[in-house]
Amino acid sequence: MPMLPGRKSNPTPTGTFHVYSKEKMHLSKEFDNAEMPNSVFFYPGDAFHQGSLSVYSHGCIHLSAGASLKFFNTLHIGDVVQVVP
């Protein structure tokens, strides 16, 4: 599945994490209320969410609209996720 991680200056953390929060439409306070649809947070400030597949993120993992919806509907708080380089 196509995805895009954080840029070199803001890399996505790698490792094993637990989903700790989900928001259907998160608004980023850090980035001028940027919309982050289907957010599934796995690390403080970092989530899987719908986003550009051509512009690297500030640490999140961008997914297509369909993939982000699948992640949002499938993953639950407490689920283990693994982010690999």
Foldseek 3Di string as FASTA:
>chain_A
DQKAFADPVQGADFFKFFFADWDQWAQDPVPHGDTFGLFTDTDVPETETDDDSVDHDNHYMHDHPVVSVVCSVPHDGGDMDGGDD
